[in-house]
Every structure is written in C-alpha cells, then in structure tokens.
Amino acid sequence: MNISVELTFSPLQDDYELHIINFIKKVRSSGLTVLENPLSTQVYGGYDTVMKVLFVDIKEAFEMMEKGLLHMKIVKSDRSEYEPNF
C-alpha cells in the first residue's frame, strides 16, 4: 500500500532553521520520493518503508531540540505525480 505524507516541522526555538534543514536532509537521504515547498515536506512510498523512516527521523529530530511540533497528514495513495487540471 502506497501513502503520501505531508509534514510541517516547527521547532519552537531561536535556531529553528538549522533543525528544519537537518530534518529535511535526513528524510531526503532515505531514498524515498521527497518533495518540498516553503510550507511543508511531502514524502511518498510504501506504507511500511515510509513509516519506518519517519519513526526514526522524527525521534532523532525531537531529541535534538528543546521544544517543537510536527504536523503530519497521511493519504492512502501515492500523490507524487499529482498535477492540477484546472
């Protein structure tokens, strides 16, 4: 089963940019399909693979910061090829 995950990672501290950059680089290195925009990062792939990667990467990111939040949406389908038709 393929999924699409949208992540908005928000460290609540002054050096937030460094934490966001490190998190995105870690997810990129997973070999999964990763797309980014100014507001979020999208990750695409098989459910088990994506969730294993995110389980490790989110925990590591949280351990490296004092305070923060992560907003995550999961869609049951691979939407990486989506393009608006309007």
Protein backbone atom coordinates (compact mmCIF):
# COMPACT_ATOMS: atom_id res chain seq x y z
CA MET A 1 0.00 0.00 0.00
CA ASN A 2 1.43 3.37 -1.03
CA ILE A 3 0.99 6.53 1.00
CA SER A 4 1.64 10.25 0.75
CA VAL A 5 2.68 12.08 3.91
CA GLU A 6 2.77 15.83 4.39
CA LEU A 7 5.00 17.06 7.21
CA THR A 8 5.21 20.52 8.73
CA PHE A 9 8.08 20.56 11.21
CA SER A 10 8.17 23.55 13.58
CA PRO A 11 10.94 23.76 16.19
CA LEU A 12 9.84 26.32 18.78
CA GLN A 13 13.20 27.90 19.45
CA ASP A 14 15.51 30.57 18.01
CA ASP A 15 17.69 28.20 15.96
CA TYR A 16 14.69 26.63 14.22
CA GLU A 17 16.15 26.85 10.69
CA LEU A 18 19.05 24.52 11.47
CA HIS A 19 16.69 21.89 12.87
CA ILE A 20 14.39 22.07 9.85
CA ILE A 21 17.29 21.80 7.40
CA ASN A 22 18.77 18.82 9.27
CA PHE A 23 15.39 17.06 9.36
CA ILE A 24 14.77 17.54 5.63
CA LYS A 25 18.29 16.37 4.75
CA LYS A 26 17.79 13.24 6.84
CA VAL A 27 14.47 12.43 5.15
CA ARG A 28 16.00 13.11 1.70
CA SER A 29 18.80 10.61 2.41
CA SER A 30 16.24 7.81 2.90
CA GLY A 31 15.87 7.19 -0.84
CA LEU A 32 12.13 7.88 -0.70
CA THR A 33 10.45 10.35 -3.04
CA VAL A 34 10.58 13.69 -1.21
CA LEU A 35 9.12 16.97 -2.48
CA GLU A 36 9.36 20.29 -0.68
CA ASN A 37 7.71 23.67 -0.74
CA PRO A 38 8.02 26.68 1.60
CA LEU A 39 5.31 25.35 3.92
CA SER A 40 5.84 21.59 4.12
CA THR A 41 7.69 18.49 3.02
CA GLN A 42 5.93 15.61 1.29
CA VAL A 43 7.18 12.02 1.44
CA TYR A 44 5.88 9.25 -0.83
CA GLY A 45 6.31 5.49 -0.86
CA GLY A 46 5.18 2.21 0.60
CA TYR A 47 3.48 2.47 3.99
CA ASP A 48 5.91 0.28 5.90
CA THR A 49 9.00 1.92 4.42
CA VAL A 50 7.79 5.50 4.89
CA MET A 51 6.64 4.90 8.46
CA LYS A 52 9.91 3.18 9.44
CA VAL A 53 11.92 6.11 8.08
CA LEU A 54 9.71 8.72 9.73
CA PHE A 55 9.66 6.85 13.05
CA VAL A 56 13.46 7.10 13.28
CA ASP A 57 13.87 10.57 11.74
CA ILE A 58 11.15 12.24 13.82
CA LYS A 59 12.50 10.78 17.05
CA GLU A 60 16.02 11.95 16.20
CA ALA A 61 14.78 15.44 15.30
CA PHE A 62 12.82 15.74 18.56
CA GLU A 63 15.83 14.59 20.59
CA MET A 64 17.97 17.34 19.01
CA MET A 65 15.70 20.23 20.03
CA GLU A 66 14.24 21.57 23.23
CA LYS A 67 10.67 22.25 22.05
CA GLY A 68 8.78 21.79 18.81
CA LEU A 69 5.88 20.26 16.97
CA LEU A 70 5.30 18.21 13.88
CA HIS A 71 2.04 18.30 11.97
CA MET A 72 1.53 15.22 9.78
CA LYS A 73 -1.16 14.27 7.25
CA ILE A 74 -1.27 10.83 5.66
CA VAL A 75 -3.16 9.97 2.47
CA LYS A 76 -3.66 6.38 1.36
CA SER A 77 -2.29 6.71 -2.18
CA ASP A 78 0.83 7.95 -3.90
CA ARG A 79 0.06 11.53 -4.92
CA SER A 80 3.61 12.39 -6.02
CA GLU A 81 2.56 12.72 -9.68
CA TYR A 82 -0.45 14.95 -8.92
CA GLU A 83 -0.87 18.00 -11.13
CA PRO A 84 -3.93 20.25 -11.08
CA ASN A 85 -6.07 20.01 -14.20
CA PHE A 86 -7.79 23.34 -13.90
